[in-house]
Amino acid sequence: MERDGQLDLHDRVAARLKDAHRTVRGLQVPEDVRQALTRRLLVITAAAKADLPGAARRLDRLMEDVDAGRLPPLGAGGGDDGTP
């Protein structure tokens, strides 16, 4: 039964990641901001392989920030999603 729950979580996270990428592509922001957000999504995607629940939480936080307009500043580099 727990395995079914893990598969359900996997499916939900995968669908949400797909939607998040679509959302980021559609943002009217400078290209370097879009690239920083895309890198954060890729980090979350990679993290999902080892820690699916943690990746789901990180994705929640990222999309809450995007929805609230809290975007990386121009010239933001990095490569992680800013969470410990």
N, C-alpha and C. Protein backbone atom coordinates (compact mmCIF):
# COMPACT_ATOMS: atom_id res chain seq x y z
N MET A 1 0.82 -1.18 0.00
CA MET A 1 0.00 0.00 0.00
C MET A 1 0.88 1.26 0.00
N GLU A 2 1.96 1.26 0.81
CA GLU A 2 2.84 2.42 0.85
C GLU A 2 3.46 2.68 -0.52
N ARG A 3 3.75 1.64 -1.24
CA ARG A 3 4.32 1.78 -2.58
C ARG A 3 3.35 2.52 -3.49
N ASP A 4 2.04 2.26 -3.36
CA ASP A 4 1.04 2.97 -4.14
C ASP A 4 1.04 4.45 -3.80
N GLY A 5 1.21 4.78 -2.54
CA GLY A 5 1.28 6.18 -2.12
C GLY A 5 2.49 6.87 -2.71
N GLN A 6 3.60 6.16 -2.75
CA GLN A 6 4.82 6.72 -3.34
C GLN A 6 4.62 6.96 -4.84
N LEU A 7 3.97 6.02 -5.51
CA LEU A 7 3.70 6.21 -6.94
C LEU A 7 2.76 7.37 -7.18
N ASP A 8 1.75 7.52 -6.32
CA ASP A 8 0.84 8.66 -6.44
C ASP A 8 1.59 9.97 -6.26
N LEU A 9 2.47 10.03 -5.25
CA LEU A 9 3.26 11.23 -5.02
C LEU A 9 4.16 11.50 -6.22
N HIS A 10 4.77 10.46 -6.75
CA HIS A 10 5.63 10.62 -7.93
C HIS A 10 4.84 11.23 -9.08
N ASP A 11 3.66 10.70 -9.33
CA ASP A 11 2.83 11.21 -10.43
C ASP A 11 2.43 12.66 -10.21
N ARG A 12 2.07 13.00 -8.96
CA ARG A 12 1.68 14.39 -8.66
C ARG A 12 2.86 15.34 -8.83
N VAL A 13 4.03 14.95 -8.32
CA VAL A 13 5.22 15.81 -8.43
C VAL A 13 5.61 15.96 -9.90
N ALA A 14 5.58 14.88 -10.65
CA ALA A 14 5.93 14.96 -12.07
C ALA A 14 4.99 15.91 -12.81
N ALA A 15 3.72 15.82 -12.54
CA ALA A 15 2.75 16.71 -13.20
C ALA A 15 2.97 18.16 -12.77
N ARG A 16 3.26 18.36 -11.49
CA ARG A 16 3.48 19.73 -11.00
C ARG A 16 4.77 20.31 -11.57
N LEU A 17 5.81 19.48 -11.72
CA LEU A 17 7.05 19.96 -12.34
C LEU A 17 6.80 20.38 -13.79
N LYS A 18 6.03 19.59 -14.50
CA LYS A 18 5.69 19.92 -15.88
C LYS A 18 4.95 21.26 -15.93
N ASP A 19 3.97 21.44 -15.05
CA ASP A 19 3.23 22.70 -14.99
C ASP A 19 4.15 23.86 -14.60
N ALA A 20 5.06 23.61 -13.68
CA ALA A 20 5.98 24.66 -13.23
C ALA A 20 6.87 25.11 -14.38
N HIS A 21 7.38 24.17 -15.16
CA HIS A 21 8.20 24.53 -16.32
C HIS A 21 7.38 25.35 -17.31
N ARG A 22 6.14 24.97 -17.53
CA ARG A 22 5.26 25.72 -18.44
C ARG A 22 5.04 27.13 -17.92
N THR A 23 4.82 27.25 -16.62
CA THR A 23 4.60 28.56 -16.00
C THR A 23 5.83 29.44 -16.16
N VAL A 24 7.01 28.88 -15.88
CA VAL A 24 8.25 29.65 -15.99
C VAL A 24 8.48 30.09 -17.44
N ARG A 25 8.22 29.20 -18.38
CA ARG A 25 8.39 29.57 -19.80
C ARG A 25 7.48 30.73 -20.18
N GLY A 26 6.31 30.81 -19.58
CA GLY A 26 5.35 31.84 -19.93
C GLY A 26 5.50 33.16 -19.21
N LEU A 27 6.42 33.22 -18.24
CA LEU A 27 6.60 34.47 -17.49
C LEU A 27 7.19 35.56 -18.38
N GLN A 28 6.70 36.76 -18.19
CA GLN A 28 7.24 37.93 -18.89
C GLN A 28 8.32 38.55 -18.00
N VAL A 29 9.49 37.91 -18.02
CA VAL A 29 10.63 38.34 -17.21
C VAL A 29 11.88 38.31 -18.07
N PRO A 30 12.94 39.00 -17.64
CA PRO A 30 14.20 38.93 -18.38
C PRO A 30 14.70 37.49 -18.47
N GLU A 31 15.45 37.23 -19.51
CA GLU A 31 15.91 35.86 -19.78
C GLU A 31 16.77 35.30 -18.64
N ASP A 32 17.59 36.12 -18.01
CA ASP A 32 18.43 35.57 -16.94
C ASP A 32 17.59 35.16 -15.72
N VAL A 33 16.48 35.84 -15.48
CA VAL A 33 15.58 35.44 -14.40
C VAL A 33 14.92 34.11 -14.75
N ARG A 34 14.48 33.98 -16.00
CA ARG A 34 13.87 32.72 -16.45
C ARG A 34 14.88 31.57 -16.34
N GLN A 35 16.13 31.83 -16.71
CA GLN A 35 17.15 30.79 -16.62
C GLN A 35 17.41 30.38 -15.18
N ALA A 36 17.43 31.36 -14.26
CA ALA A 36 17.63 31.04 -12.84
C ALA A 36 16.49 30.18 -12.32
N LEU A 37 15.26 30.51 -12.68
CA LEU A 37 14.12 29.71 -12.26
C LEU A 37 14.17 28.30 -12.86
N THR A 38 14.56 28.21 -14.11
CA THR A 38 14.67 26.91 -14.77
C THR A 38 15.73 26.05 -14.08
N ARG A 39 16.86 26.67 -13.72
CA ARG A 39 17.91 25.92 -13.00
C ARG A 39 17.37 25.40 -11.67
N ARG A 40 16.60 26.23 -10.98
CA ARG A 40 16.02 25.79 -9.71
C ARG A 40 15.08 24.60 -9.92
N LEU A 41 14.29 24.65 -10.97
CA LEU A 41 13.40 23.52 -11.28
C LEU A 41 14.20 22.26 -11.60
N LEU A 42 15.30 22.41 -12.30
CA LEU A 42 16.13 21.24 -12.62
C LEU A 42 16.76 20.65 -11.37
N VAL A 43 17.15 21.50 -10.43
CA VAL A 43 17.70 21.01 -9.16
C VAL A 43 16.63 20.24 -8.39
N ILE A 44 15.42 20.77 -8.37
CA ILE A 44 14.32 20.09 -7.69
C ILE A 44 14.03 18.76 -8.37
N THR A 45 14.07 18.73 -9.69
CA THR A 45 13.85 17.49 -10.44
C THR A 45 14.89 16.44 -10.04
N ALA A 46 16.15 16.85 -9.99
CA ALA A 46 17.21 15.93 -9.60
C ALA A 46 17.03 15.46 -8.16
N ALA A 47 16.63 16.36 -7.28
CA ALA A 47 16.44 16.01 -5.87
C ALA A 47 15.31 15.00 -5.70
N ALA A 48 14.33 15.05 -6.59
CA ALA A 48 13.18 14.14 -6.50
C ALA A 48 13.62 12.68 -6.61
N LYS A 49 14.73 12.43 -7.25
CA LYS A 49 15.20 11.05 -7.41
C LYS A 49 15.63 10.45 -6.07
N ALA A 50 16.10 11.31 -5.16
CA ALA A 50 16.59 10.81 -3.87
C ALA A 50 15.62 11.10 -2.73
N ASP A 51 14.85 12.18 -2.84
CA ASP A 51 13.98 12.60 -1.74
C ASP A 51 12.71 13.21 -2.33
N LEU A 52 11.79 12.37 -2.71
CA LEU A 52 10.57 12.83 -3.37
C LEU A 52 9.73 13.76 -2.49
N PRO A 53 9.49 13.43 -1.23
CA PRO A 53 8.71 14.36 -0.40
C PRO A 53 9.41 15.71 -0.22
N GLY A 54 10.73 15.68 -0.05
CA GLY A 54 11.49 16.93 0.08
C GLY A 54 11.42 17.76 -1.19
N ALA A 55 11.52 17.10 -2.32
CA ALA A 55 11.42 17.81 -3.60
C ALA A 55 10.03 18.43 -3.77
N ALA A 56 9.01 17.72 -3.32
CA ALA A 56 7.64 18.27 -3.40
C ALA A 56 7.53 19.54 -2.57
N ARG A 57 8.13 19.53 -1.38
CA ARG A 57 8.10 20.73 -0.53
C ARG A 57 8.87 21.87 -1.17
N ARG A 58 10.02 21.58 -1.74
CA ARG A 58 10.83 22.62 -2.40
C ARG A 58 10.07 23.20 -3.59
N LEU A 59 9.40 22.35 -4.33
CA LEU A 59 8.62 22.82 -5.46
C LEU A 59 7.47 23.72 -4.99
N ASP A 60 6.82 23.32 -3.89
CA ASP A 60 5.76 24.16 -3.32
C ASP A 60 6.28 25.55 -3.01
N ARG A 61 7.43 25.62 -2.31
CA ARG A 61 7.99 26.91 -1.93
C ARG A 61 8.36 27.74 -3.16
N LEU A 62 8.97 27.11 -4.14
CA LEU A 62 9.37 27.84 -5.35
C LEU A 62 8.15 28.42 -6.05
N MET A 63 7.12 27.61 -6.23
CA MET A 63 5.95 28.10 -6.96
C MET A 63 5.18 29.14 -6.15
N GLU A 64 5.19 29.03 -4.82
CA GLU A 64 4.59 30.08 -3.99
C GLU A 64 5.32 31.40 -4.22
N ASP A 65 6.67 31.34 -4.28
CA ASP A 65 7.46 32.54 -4.55
C ASP A 65 7.14 33.12 -5.93
N VAL A 66 7.07 32.27 -6.93
CA VAL A 66 6.76 32.72 -8.29
C VAL A 66 5.37 33.35 -8.32
N ASP A 67 4.39 32.68 -7.72
CA ASP A 67 3.02 33.20 -7.71
C ASP A 67 2.93 34.55 -6.99
N ALA A 68 3.77 34.74 -5.97
CA ALA A 68 3.75 35.99 -5.21
C ALA A 68 4.64 37.06 -5.85
N GLY A 69 5.30 36.71 -6.95
CA GLY A 69 6.17 37.67 -7.62
C GLY A 69 7.54 37.80 -7.00
N ARG A 70 7.90 36.87 -6.11
CA ARG A 70 9.23 36.88 -5.51
C ARG A 70 10.16 36.10 -6.43
N LEU A 71 10.78 36.82 -7.37
CA LEU A 71 11.63 36.20 -8.38
C LEU A 71 13.09 36.51 -8.09
N PRO A 72 14.00 35.70 -8.63
CA PRO A 72 15.43 35.98 -8.44
C PRO A 72 15.76 37.33 -9.05
N PRO A 73 16.68 38.07 -8.43
CA PRO A 73 17.07 39.36 -9.00
C PRO A 73 17.82 39.18 -10.31
N LEU A 74 17.86 40.24 -11.11
CA LEU A 74 18.61 40.20 -12.36
C LEU A 74 20.05 39.82 -12.06
N GLY A 75 20.61 38.99 -12.92
CA GLY A 75 21.98 38.55 -12.74
C GLY A 75 22.14 37.46 -11.71
N ALA A 76 21.03 36.93 -11.21
CA ALA A 76 21.10 35.87 -10.19
C ALA A 76 21.68 34.61 -10.80
N GLY A 77 22.72 34.14 -10.24
CA GLY A 77 23.30 32.90 -10.69
C GLY A 77 22.87 31.78 -9.78
N GLY A 78 23.80 30.94 -9.46
CA GLY A 78 23.47 29.87 -8.52
C GLY A 78 23.21 28.59 -9.22
N GLY A 79 22.19 27.90 -8.83
CA GLY A 79 21.91 26.59 -9.38
C GLY A 79 21.12 25.77 -8.42
N ASP A 80 20.88 26.35 -7.22
CA ASP A 80 19.99 25.62 -6.33
C ASP A 80 18.79 26.47 -6.05
N ASP A 81 17.86 25.93 -5.35
CA ASP A 81 16.60 26.64 -5.15
C ASP A 81 16.59 27.50 -3.91
N GLY A 82 17.77 27.72 -3.29
CA GLY A 82 17.87 28.60 -2.16
C GLY A 82 17.36 28.03 -0.85
N THR A 83 17.12 26.73 -0.82
CA THR A 83 16.65 26.10 0.41
C THR A 83 17.74 25.18 0.94
N PRO A 84 17.79 25.03 2.26
CA PRO A 84 18.81 24.13 2.82
C PRO A 84 18.53 22.68 2.49
